[in-house]
C-alpha atoms as a PDB file:
ATOM      1  CA  UNK A   1     148.648 184.208 -97.360  1.00  0.00           C
ATOM      2  CA  UNK A   2     150.471 186.240 -94.701  1.00  0.00           C
ATOM      3  CA  UNK A   3     152.586 184.218 -92.263  1.00  0.00           C
ATOM      4  CA  UNK A   4     153.134 184.926 -88.557  1.00  0.00           C
ATOM      5  CA  UNK A   5     155.421 183.287 -86.016  1.00  0.00           C
ATOM      6  CA  UNK A   6     154.307 183.347 -82.395  1.00  0.00           C
ATOM      7  CA  UNK A   7     157.519 182.659 -80.469  1.00  0.00           C
ATOM      8  CA  UNK A   8     156.107 181.840 -77.066  1.00  0.00           C
ATOM      9  CA  UNK A   9     152.725 180.184 -77.487  1.00  0.00           C
ATOM     10  CA  UNK A  10     151.666 180.369 -73.860  1.00  0.00           C
ATOM     11  CA  UNK A  11     148.633 181.967 -72.214  1.00  0.00           C
ATOM     12  CA  UNK A  12     148.739 185.151 -74.301  1.00  0.00           C
ATOM     13  CA  UNK A  13     150.622 183.738 -77.278  1.00  0.00           C
ATOM     14  CA  UNK A  14     148.161 180.903 -77.920  1.00  0.00           C
ATOM     15  CA  UNK A  15     145.194 183.292 -77.810  1.00  0.00           C
ATOM     16  CA  UNK A  16     147.031 185.635 -80.184  1.00  0.00           C
ATOM     17  CA  UNK A  17     147.774 182.750 -82.538  1.00  0.00           C
ATOM     18  CA  UNK A  18     144.059 181.915 -82.553  1.00  0.00           C
ATOM     19  CA  UNK A  19     143.217 185.479 -83.616  1.00  0.00           C
ATOM     20  CA  UNK A  20     145.677 185.430 -86.510  1.00  0.00           C
ATOM     21  CA  UNK A  21     144.504 181.999 -87.659  1.00  0.00           C
ATOM     22  CA  UNK A  22     140.859 183.103 -87.562  1.00  0.00           C
ATOM     23  CA  UNK A  23     141.780 186.140 -89.662  1.00  0.00           C
ATOM     24  CA  UNK A  24     143.214 183.927 -92.398  1.00  0.00           C
ATOM     25  CA  UNK A  25     146.908 184.051 -91.535  1.00  0.00           C
ATOM     26  CA  UNK A  26     149.198 181.050 -91.721  1.00  0.00           C
ATOM     27  CA  UNK A  27     150.393 180.608 -88.139  1.00  0.00           C
ATOM     28  CA  UNK A  28     153.306 178.801 -86.572  1.00  0.00           C
ATOM     29  CA  UNK A  29     153.636 178.677 -82.815  1.00  0.00           C
ATOM     30  CA  UNK A  30     156.743 177.883 -80.794  1.00  0.00           C
ATOM     31  CA  UNK A  31     156.872 176.632 -77.229  1.00  0.00           C
ATOM     32  CA  UNK A  32     159.882 176.087 -74.983  1.00  0.00           C
ATOM     33  CA  UNK A  33     159.347 172.355 -74.496  1.00  0.00           C
ATOM     34  CA  UNK A  34     157.903 169.289 -76.250  1.00  0.00           C
ATOM     35  CA  UNK A  35     155.467 168.909 -73.353  1.00  0.00           C
ATOM     36  CA  UNK A  36     154.039 172.390 -73.944  1.00  0.00           C
ATOM     37  CA  UNK A  37     153.843 171.697 -77.674  1.00  0.00           C
ATOM     38  CA  UNK A  38     151.939 168.470 -77.021  1.00  0.00           C
ATOM     39  CA  UNK A  39     149.361 170.348 -74.947  1.00  0.00           C
ATOM     40  CA  UNK A  40     148.609 172.522 -77.994  1.00  0.00           C
ATOM     41  CA  UNK A  41     148.603 169.688 -80.518  1.00  0.00           C
ATOM     42  CA  UNK A  42     144.894 170.168 -81.178  1.00  0.00           C
ATOM     43  CA  UNK A  43     145.366 173.679 -82.544  1.00  0.00           C
ATOM     44  CA  UNK A  44     144.565 174.207 -86.251  1.00  0.00           C
ATOM     45  CA  UNK A  45     148.115 175.441 -86.932  1.00  0.00           C
ATOM     46  CA  UNK A  46     151.641 174.135 -86.558  1.00  0.00           C
ATOM     47  CA  UNK A  47     153.140 173.997 -83.071  1.00  0.00           C
ATOM     48  CA  UNK A  48     156.842 173.306 -82.608  1.00  0.00           C
ATOM     49  CA  UNK A  49     159.080 172.971 -79.559  1.00  0.00           C
ATOM     50  CA  UNK A  50     161.811 175.595 -80.055  1.00  0.00           C
ATOM     51  CA  UNK A  51     163.766 177.160 -77.204  1.00  0.00           C
ATOM     52  CA  UNK A  52     164.321 180.766 -78.285  1.00  0.00           C
ATOM     53  CA  UNK A  53     167.128 181.179 -75.744  1.00  0.00           C
ATOM     54  CA  UNK A  54     169.187 178.708 -77.829  1.00  0.00           C
ATOM     55  CA  UNK A  55     170.369 180.384 -81.039  1.00  0.00           C
ATOM     56  CA  UNK A  56     171.276 177.063 -82.683  1.00  0.00           C
ATOM     57  CA  UNK A  57     167.737 175.807 -82.079  1.00  0.00           C
ATOM     58  CA  UNK A  58     166.236 179.026 -83.444  1.00  0.00           C
ATOM     59  CA  UNK A  59     168.467 178.960 -86.524  1.00  0.00           C
ATOM     60  CA  UNK A  60     167.608 175.322 -87.256  1.00  0.00           C
ATOM     61  CA  UNK A  61     163.878 176.062 -86.922  1.00  0.00           C
ATOM     62  CA  UNK A  62     163.996 179.192 -89.091  1.00  0.00           C
ATOM     63  CA  UNK A  63     163.428 177.309 -92.329  1.00  0.00           C
ATOM     64  CA  UNK A  64     160.585 179.497 -93.629  1.00  0.00           C
ATOM     65  CA  UNK A  65     160.255 183.278 -93.837  1.00  0.00           C
ATOM     66  CA  UNK A  66     157.567 185.079 -91.880  1.00  0.00           C
ATOM     67  CA  UNK A  67     155.903 188.403 -92.530  1.00  0.00           C
ATOM     68  CA  UNK A  68     156.179 189.196 -88.820  1.00  0.00           C
ATOM     69  CA  UNK A  69     157.360 187.617 -85.577  1.00  0.00           C
ATOM     70  CA  UNK A  70     155.833 188.092 -82.125  1.00  0.00           C
ATOM     71  CA  UNK A  71     158.133 187.456 -79.157  1.00  0.00           C
ATOM     72  CA  UNK A  72     155.630 186.529 -76.453  1.00  0.00           C
ATOM     73  CA  UNK A  73     157.691 184.040 -74.471  1.00  0.00           C
ATOM     74  CA  UNK A  74     157.445 184.216 -70.690  1.00  0.00           C
ATOM     75  CA  UNK A  75     160.074 183.975 -67.973  1.00  0.00           C
ATOM     76  CA  UNK A  76     157.535 181.897 -66.008  1.00  0.00           C
ATOM     77  CA  UNK A  77     158.111 183.938 -62.884  1.00  0.00           C
ATOM     78  CA  UNK A  78     161.886 183.596 -63.001  1.00  0.00           C
ATOM     79  CA  UNK A  79     164.401 186.143 -61.810  1.00  0.00           C
ATOM     80  CA  UNK A  80     167.004 188.243 -63.564  1.00  0.00           C
ATOM     81  CA  UNK A  81     168.806 185.315 -65.166  1.00  0.00           C
ATOM     82  CA  UNK A  82     165.572 184.016 -66.693  1.00  0.00           C
ATOM     83  CA  UNK A  83     164.674 187.492 -67.932  1.00  0.00           C
ATOM     84  CA  UNK A  84     168.099 187.891 -69.478  1.00  0.00           C
ATOM     85  CA  UNK A  85     167.754 184.601 -71.332  1.00  0.00           C
ATOM     86  CA  UNK A  86     164.107 184.809 -72.409  1.00  0.00           C
ATOM     87  CA  UNK A  87     163.707 188.488 -73.226  1.00  0.00           C
ATOM     88  CA  UNK A  88     167.182 189.708 -74.128  1.00  0.00           C
ATOM     89  CA  UNK A  89     168.846 186.629 -75.632  1.00  0.00           C
ATOM     90  CA  UNK A  90     165.513 185.464 -77.054  1.00  0.00           C
ATOM     91  CA  UNK A  91     164.916 188.733 -78.890  1.00  0.00           C
ATOM     92  CA  UNK A  92     168.506 188.845 -80.111  1.00  0.00           C
ATOM     93  CA  UNK A  93     168.215 185.303 -81.490  1.00  0.00           C
ATOM     94  CA  UNK A  94     164.938 186.002 -83.270  1.00  0.00           C
ATOM     95  CA  UNK A  95     166.288 189.197 -84.846  1.00  0.00           C
ATOM     96  CA  UNK A  96     169.349 187.337 -86.097  1.00  0.00           C
ATOM     97  CA  UNK A  97     167.330 184.416 -87.472  1.00  0.00           C
ATOM     98  CA  UNK A  98     164.611 186.549 -89.088  1.00  0.00           C
ATOM     99  CA  UNK A  99     166.320 189.782 -90.202  1.00  0.00           C
ATOM    100  CA  UNK A 100     163.511 190.553 -92.662  1.00  0.00           C
ATOM    101  CA  UNK A 101     160.587 189.768 -90.397  1.00  0.00           C
ATOM    102  CA  UNK A 102     159.812 192.717 -88.117  1.00  0.00           C
ATOM    103  CA  UNK A 103     159.626 191.728 -84.453  1.00  0.00           C
ATOM    104  CA  UNK A 104     156.953 192.693 -81.948  1.00  0.00           C
ATOM    105  CA  UNK A 105     158.091 192.235 -78.333  1.00  0.00           C
ATOM    106  CA  UNK A 106     155.613 191.828 -75.491  1.00  0.00           C
ATOM    107  CA  UNK A 107     157.140 193.746 -72.607  1.00  0.00           C
ATOM    108  CA  UNK A 108     155.503 194.962 -69.400  1.00  0.00           C
ATOM    109  CA  UNK A 109     154.180 198.144 -67.818  1.00  0.00           C
ATOM    110  CA  UNK A 110     156.371 197.194 -64.850  1.00  0.00           C
ATOM    111  CA  UNK A 111     159.094 199.224 -66.582  1.00  0.00           C
ATOM    112  CA  UNK A 112     157.294 202.294 -65.187  1.00  0.00           C
ATOM    113  CA  UNK A 113     158.414 202.751 -61.590  1.00  0.00           C
ATOM    114  CA  UNK A 114     156.121 205.704 -60.808  1.00  0.00           C
ATOM    115  CA  UNK A 115     154.538 205.293 -57.374  1.00  0.00           C
ATOM    116  CA  UNK A 116     152.317 208.302 -56.656  1.00  0.00           C
ATOM    117  CA  UNK A 117     149.242 207.183 -58.572  1.00  0.00           C
ATOM    118  CA  UNK A 118     150.037 209.444 -61.520  1.00  0.00           C
ATOM    119  CA  UNK A 119     149.058 208.723 -65.118  1.00  0.00           C
ATOM    120  CA  UNK A 120     151.857 207.422 -67.333  1.00  0.00           C
ATOM    121  CA  UNK A 121     152.036 207.320 -71.113  1.00  0.00           C
ATOM    122  CA  UNK A 122     154.572 205.870 -73.520  1.00  0.00           C
ATOM    123  CA  UNK A 123     156.543 209.105 -73.283  1.00  0.00           C
ATOM    124  CA  UNK A 124     156.773 208.951 -69.477  1.00  0.00           C
ATOM    125  CA  UNK A 125     160.118 207.961 -67.940  1.00  0.00           C
ATOM    126  CA  UNK A 126     160.557 204.186 -67.905  1.00  0.00           C
ATOM    127  CA  UNK A 127     163.262 203.743 -65.302  1.00  0.00           C
ATOM    128  CA  UNK A 128     162.541 200.508 -63.434  1.00  0.00           C
ATOM    129  CA  UNK A 129     164.128 199.959 -60.050  1.00  0.00           C
ATOM    130  CA  UNK A 130     164.305 196.176 -60.296  1.00  0.00           C
ATOM    131  CA  UNK A 131     166.912 194.371 -62.370  1.00  0.00           C
ATOM    132  CA  UNK A 132     164.230 192.412 -64.210  1.00  0.00           C
ATOM    133  CA  UNK A 133     162.680 195.665 -65.366  1.00  0.00           C
ATOM    134  CA  UNK A 134     166.038 197.012 -66.503  1.00  0.00           C
ATOM    135  CA  UNK A 135     166.582 193.864 -68.550  1.00  0.00           C
ATOM    136  CA  UNK A 136     163.181 194.377 -70.166  1.00  0.00           C
ATOM    137  CA  UNK A 137     164.186 197.915 -71.095  1.00  0.00           C
ATOM    138  CA  UNK A 138     167.394 196.609 -72.657  1.00  0.00           C
ATOM    139  CA  UNK A 139     165.403 194.101 -74.693  1.00  0.00           C
ATOM    140  CA  UNK A 140     162.982 196.841 -75.737  1.00  0.00           C
ATOM    141  CA  UNK A 141     165.804 199.016 -77.039  1.00  0.00           C
ATOM    142  CA  UNK A 142     167.278 196.070 -78.925  1.00  0.00           C
ATOM    143  CA  UNK A 143     163.965 195.423 -80.683  1.00  0.00           C
ATOM    144  CA  UNK A 144     163.340 199.101 -81.430  1.00  0.00           C
ATOM    145  CA  UNK A 145     166.834 199.479 -82.921  1.00  0.00           C
ATOM    146  CA  UNK A 146     166.039 196.559 -85.245  1.00  0.00           C
ATOM    147  CA  UNK A 147     162.887 198.292 -86.516  1.00  0.00           C
ATOM    148  CA  UNK A 148     160.456 196.403 -84.302  1.00  0.00           C
ATOM    149  CA  UNK A 149     157.576 197.354 -82.036  1.00  0.00           C
ATOM    150  CA  UNK A 150     157.141 197.062 -78.256  1.00  0.00           C
ATOM    151  CA  UNK A 151     153.853 196.315 -76.505  1.00  0.00           C
ATOM    152  CA  UNK A 152     153.979 197.005 -72.769  1.00  0.00           C
ATOM    153  CA  UNK A 153     151.362 194.751 -71.203  1.00  0.00           C
ATOM    154  CA  UNK A 154     149.586 195.541 -67.953  1.00  0.00           C
ATOM    155  CA  UNK A 155     148.767 192.750 -65.497  1.00  0.00           C
ATOM    156  CA  UNK A 156     147.386 189.867 -67.547  1.00  0.00           C
ATOM    157  CA  UNK A 157     144.157 188.185 -66.529  1.00  0.00           C
ATOM    158  CA  UNK A 158     141.390 186.232 -68.184  1.00  0.00           C
ATOM    159  CA  UNK A 159     139.745 182.778 -68.185  1.00  0.00           C
ATOM    160  CA  UNK A 160     141.574 180.598 -65.692  1.00  0.00           C
ATOM    161  CA  UNK A 161     143.960 183.341 -64.645  1.00  0.00           C
ATOM    162  CA  UNK A 162     143.685 186.140 -62.118  1.00  0.00           C
ATOM    163  CA  UNK A 163     146.309 186.667 -59.439  1.00  0.00           C
ATOM    164  CA  UNK A 164     143.970 188.856 -57.397  1.00  0.00           C
ATOM    165  CA  UNK A 165     141.092 186.398 -57.519  1.00  0.00           C
ATOM    166  CA  UNK A 166     143.313 183.411 -56.775  1.00  0.00           C
ATOM    167  CA  UNK A 167     144.761 185.125 -53.691  1.00  0.00           C
ATOM    168  CA  UNK A 168     141.314 186.194 -52.554  1.00  0.00           C
ATOM    169  CA  UNK A 169     139.849 182.701 -52.853  1.00  0.00           C
ATOM    170  CA  UNK A 170     142.873 181.079 -51.197  1.00  0.00           C
ATOM    171  CA  UNK A 171     142.750 183.496 -48.265  1.00  0.00           C
ATOM    172  CA  UNK A 172     146.216 184.833 -49.061  1.00  0.00           C
ATOM    173  CA  UNK A 173     145.163 188.342 -50.046  1.00  0.00           C
ATOM    174  CA  UNK A 174     146.123 191.223 -47.784  1.00  0.00           C
ATOM    175  CA  UNK A 175     145.728 194.989 -47.798  1.00  0.00           C
ATOM    176  CA  UNK A 176     148.625 197.300 -47.014  1.00  0.00           C
ATOM    177  CA  UNK A 177     148.110 199.488 -43.981  1.00  0.00           C
ATOM    178  CA  UNK A 178     150.049 202.217 -45.794  1.00  0.00           C
ATOM    179  CA  UNK A 179     147.152 202.638 -48.197  1.00  0.00           C
ATOM    180  CA  UNK A 180     145.685 201.215 -51.414  1.00  0.00           C
ATOM    181  CA  UNK A 181     147.806 200.546 -54.487  1.00  0.00           C
ATOM    182  CA  UNK A 182     146.681 201.319 -58.040  1.00  0.00           C
ATOM    183  CA  UNK A 183     146.484 198.267 -60.303  1.00  0.00           C
ATOM    184  CA  UNK A 184     146.494 198.177 -64.107  1.00  0.00           C
ATOM    185  CA  UNK A 185     145.230 195.120 -65.945  1.00  0.00           C
ATOM    186  CA  UNK A 186     144.373 193.878 -69.434  1.00  0.00           C
ATOM    187  CA  UNK A 187     142.276 190.890 -70.431  1.00  0.00           C
ATOM    188  CA  UNK A 188     144.094 188.201 -72.403  1.00  0.00           C
ATOM    189  CA  UNK A 189     141.670 188.421 -75.342  1.00  0.00           C
ATOM    190  CA  UNK A 190     142.022 192.209 -75.514  1.00  0.00           C
ATOM    191  CA  UNK A 191     145.814 191.810 -75.526  1.00  0.00           C
ATOM    192  CA  UNK A 192     145.560 189.335 -78.410  1.00  0.00           C
ATOM    193  CA  UNK A 193     143.419 191.794 -80.360  1.00  0.00           C
ATOM    194  CA  UNK A 194     145.926 194.568 -79.643  1.00  0.00           C
ATOM    195  CA  UNK A 195     148.854 192.476 -80.892  1.00  0.00           C
ATOM    196  CA  UNK A 196     146.982 191.645 -84.090  1.00  0.00           C
ATOM    197  CA  UNK A 197     146.331 195.341 -84.670  1.00  0.00           C
ATOM    198  CA  UNK A 198     149.933 196.307 -83.957  1.00  0.00           C
ATOM    199  CA  UNK A 199     151.304 193.722 -86.391  1.00  0.00           C
ATOM    200  CA  UNK A 200     148.997 195.054 -89.105  1.00  0.00           C
ATOM    201  CA  UNK A 201     150.174 198.561 -88.333  1.00  0.00           C
ATOM    202  CA  UNK A 202     153.819 197.482 -88.302  1.00  0.00           C
ATOM    203  CA  UNK A 203     153.551 195.835 -91.717  1.00  0.00           C
ATOM    204  CA  UNK A 204     151.637 198.772 -93.197  1.00  0.00           C
ATOM    205  CA  UNK A 205     154.208 201.277 -91.941  1.00  0.00           C
ATOM    206  CA  UNK A 206     151.530 203.211 -90.115  1.00  0.00           C
ATOM    207  CA  UNK A 207     151.840 205.253 -86.954  1.00  0.00           C
ATOM    208  CA  UNK A 208     153.391 208.575 -86.086  1.00  0.00           C
ATOM    209  CA  UNK A 209     156.980 208.454 -87.309  1.00  0.00           C
ATOM    210  CA  UNK A 210     157.878 211.131 -84.751  1.00  0.00           C
ATOM    211  CA  UNK A 211     157.070 208.723 -81.928  1.00  0.00           C
ATOM    212  CA  UNK A 212     158.809 205.492 -81.064  1.00  0.00           C
ATOM    213  CA  UNK A 213     156.645 202.399 -81.705  1.00  0.00           C
ATOM    214  CA  UNK A 214     155.931 201.637 -78.052  1.00  0.00           C
ATOM    215  CA  UNK A 215     152.344 200.960 -76.976  1.00  0.00           C
ATOM    216  CA  UNK A 216     150.809 200.462 -73.557  1.00  0.00           C
ATOM    217  CA  UNK A 217     148.218 197.681 -73.480  1.00  0.00           C
ATOM    218  CA  UNK A 218     145.987 198.321 -70.461  1.00  0.00           C
ATOM    219  CA  UNK A 219     142.227 198.523 -70.117  1.00  0.00           C
ATOM    220  CA  UNK A 220     142.540 202.225 -69.300  1.00  0.00           C
ATOM    221  CA  UNK A 221     140.457 201.964 -66.122  1.00  0.00           C
ATOM    222  CA  UNK A 222     142.931 201.510 -63.251  1.00  0.00           C
ATOM    223  CA  UNK A 223     141.508 200.336 -59.951  1.00  0.00           C
ATOM    224  CA  UNK A 224     142.945 200.072 -56.456  1.00  0.00           C
ATOM    225  CA  UNK A 225     143.576 196.719 -54.835  1.00  0.00           C
ATOM    226  CA  UNK A 226     141.063 197.658 -52.135  1.00  0.00           C
ATOM    227  CA  UNK A 227     138.370 198.354 -54.738  1.00  0.00           C
ATOM    228  CA  UNK A 228     139.135 195.019 -56.417  1.00  0.00           C
ATOM    229  CA  UNK A 229     138.732 193.096 -53.180  1.00  0.00           C
ATOM    230  CA  UNK A 230     135.614 195.031 -52.184  1.00  0.00           C
ATOM    231  CA  UNK A 231     134.034 194.059 -55.507  1.00  0.00           C
ATOM    232  CA  UNK A 232     135.009 190.409 -55.063  1.00  0.00           C
ATOM    233  CA  UNK A 233     133.849 190.337 -51.446  1.00  0.00           C
ATOM    234  CA  UNK A 234     130.448 191.719 -52.404  1.00  0.00           C
ATOM    235  CA  UNK A 235     129.910 189.413 -55.383  1.00  0.00           C
ATOM    236  CA  UNK A 236     131.299 186.250 -53.793  1.00  0.00           C
ATOM    237  CA  UNK A 237     129.891 187.033 -50.333  1.00  0.00           C
ATOM    238  CA  UNK A 238     133.198 186.569 -48.590  1.00  0.00           C
ATOM    239  CA  UNK A 239     134.999 188.744 -46.015  1.00  0.00           C
ATOM    240  CA  UNK A 240     137.530 191.364 -46.991  1.00  0.00           C
ATOM    241  CA  UNK A 241     141.242 190.486 -46.729  1.00  0.00           C
ATOM    242  CA  UNK A 242     143.029 191.576 -43.551  1.00  0.00           C
ATOM    243  CA  UNK A 243     145.153 194.710 -43.386  1.00  0.00           C
ATOM    244  CA  UNK A 244     148.840 194.205 -42.564  1.00  0.00           C
ATOM    245  CA  UNK A 245     151.736 196.542 -41.875  1.00  0.00           C
ATOM    246  CA  UNK A 246     154.315 194.814 -44.083  1.00  0.00           C
ATOM    247  CA  UNK A 247     152.920 192.839 -47.034  1.00  0.00           C
ATOM    248  CA  UNK A 248     155.195 190.467 -48.925  1.00  0.00           C
ATOM    249  CA  UNK A 249     157.183 191.912 -51.880  1.00  0.00           C
ATOM    250  CA  UNK A 250     155.157 192.060 -55.067  1.00  0.00           C
ATOM    251  CA  UNK A 251     156.275 190.226 -58.189  1.00  0.00           C
ATOM    252  CA  UNK A 252     155.673 193.220 -60.461  1.00  0.00           C
ATOM    253  CA  UNK A 253     157.257 195.706 -58.082  1.00  0.00           C
ATOM    254  CA  UNK A 254     155.956 198.304 -55.659  1.00  0.00           C
ATOM    255  CA  UNK A 255     154.902 200.917 -58.182  1.00  0.00           C
ATOM    256  CA  UNK A 256     151.479 202.535 -58.081  1.00  0.00           C
ATOM    257  CA  UNK A 257     150.549 204.363 -61.259  1.00  0.00           C
ATOM    258  CA  UNK A 258     147.733 204.728 -63.779  1.00  0.00           C
ATOM    259  CA  UNK A 259     148.672 203.454 -67.233  1.00  0.00           C
ATOM    260  CA  UNK A 260     147.151 205.226 -70.219  1.00  0.00           C
ATOM    261  CA  UNK A 261     146.380 203.258 -73.382  1.00  0.00           C
ATOM    262  CA  UNK A 262     145.137 206.252 -75.372  1.00  0.00           C
ATOM    263  CA  UNK A 263     147.892 205.850 -77.960  1.00  0.00           C
ATOM    264  CA  UNK A 264     146.717 202.316 -78.733  1.00  0.00           C
ATOM    265  CA  UNK A 265     143.064 203.348 -78.696  1.00  0.00           C
ATOM    266  CA  UNK A 266     143.872 206.030 -81.286  1.00  0.00           C
ATOM    267  CA  UNK A 267     144.981 203.195 -83.579  1.00  0.00           C
ATOM    268  CA  UNK A 268     141.515 201.638 -83.370  1.00  0.00           C
ATOM    269  CA  UNK A 269     141.819 199.289 -80.385  1.00  0.00           C
ATOM    270  CA  UNK A 270     138.716 199.022 -78.213  1.00  0.00           C
ATOM    271  CA  UNK A 271     138.899 196.514 -75.346  1.00  0.00           C
ATOM    272  CA  UNK A 272     136.015 194.110 -75.000  1.00  0.00           C
ATOM    273  CA  UNK A 273     136.644 194.035 -71.245  1.00  0.00           C
ATOM    274  CA  UNK A 274     137.297 197.691 -70.344  1.00  0.00           C
ATOM    275  CA  UNK A 275     136.970 197.318 -66.569  1.00  0.00           C
ATOM    276  CA  UNK A 276     137.787 194.879 -63.780  1.00  0.00           C
ATOM    277  CA  UNK A 277     134.076 194.370 -63.117  1.00  0.00           C
ATOM    278  CA  UNK A 278     133.296 193.567 -66.757  1.00  0.00           C
ATOM    279  CA  UNK A 279     136.156 191.082 -67.022  1.00  0.00           C
ATOM    280  CA  UNK A 280     135.264 189.366 -63.761  1.00  0.00           C
ATOM    281  CA  UNK A 281     131.536 189.220 -64.439  1.00  0.00           C
ATOM    282  CA  UNK A 282     131.619 188.202 -68.103  1.00  0.00           C
ATOM    283  CA  UNK A 283     134.787 186.124 -68.431  1.00  0.00           C
ATOM    284  CA  UNK A 284     136.619 185.109 -65.269  1.00  0.00           C
ATOM    285  CA  UNK A 285     134.053 184.259 -62.597  1.00  0.00           C
ATOM    286  CA  UNK A 286     132.155 181.939 -64.995  1.00  0.00           C
ATOM    287  CA  UNK A 287     135.414 179.948 -65.231  1.00  0.00           C
ATOM    288  CA  UNK A 288     136.151 179.605 -61.532  1.00  0.00           C
ATOM    289  CA  UNK A 289     136.791 175.863 -61.877  1.00  0.00           C
ATOM    290  CA  UNK A 290     139.862 176.712 -63.993  1.00  0.00           C
ATOM    291  CA  UNK A 291     141.300 178.497 -60.964  1.00  0.00           C
ATOM    292  CA  UNK A 292     140.801 175.492 -58.749  1.00  0.00           C
ATOM    293  CA  UNK A 293     137.957 177.180 -56.878  1.00  0.00           C
END
């Protein structure tokens, strides 16, 4: 039986662990705290509290070999210091503890700083303006140098999670008077399916050897923030957000680009939720109580 370690069994990691377990893999999931581990105690696989930013803790926990390791830990909205610890030190610790198990790092499409609404692919310049993005790029290069794979995730949403919907319902959403911004998203379950596919590909040695193993994970149907809110306003029968001259800084940066996932699709990935409307209608709006609505 193939064995997988999910180092960071949070919103995406837990769903990914479920996919591997359902496909017959032996799964072990790590969380940063005993409290998080306790919340997942009902899972049909082992959950352990291991802080990947602590090499001694990682080394002590690395008692069994794994066929592959997924680094899907989150900074939980932290700044540069948190990114440096979780993504850079975390990846370094996992590589050192599991030198034989190839590592798949979940990064972010925020490493693309393009702002003119252009399409970007994995070969487009990834030169982030923010320090957090630069730290992600450093972690990516570390993983690639160790023979691993990088998955650049678009904005994550799914059951119980949607930043746009939460802001809209809370009345905190605003539109920028300077014009609409292009948004790229990916449903949590589609991300989990993509990570499963990429691990299979990594272990089989597949892919174009002339290209670096970096994959964008986005639904491939970018939408503007205005279009998102117009859809929500129509379906929830609520007014549109106000337009302001100076909106608050955005967590993922001020870029505005269209992220292509054609490289991943060529590997056989087909998202179940290919558009914002499909995800909202079929997965997120039916779970409004999870958002506190």
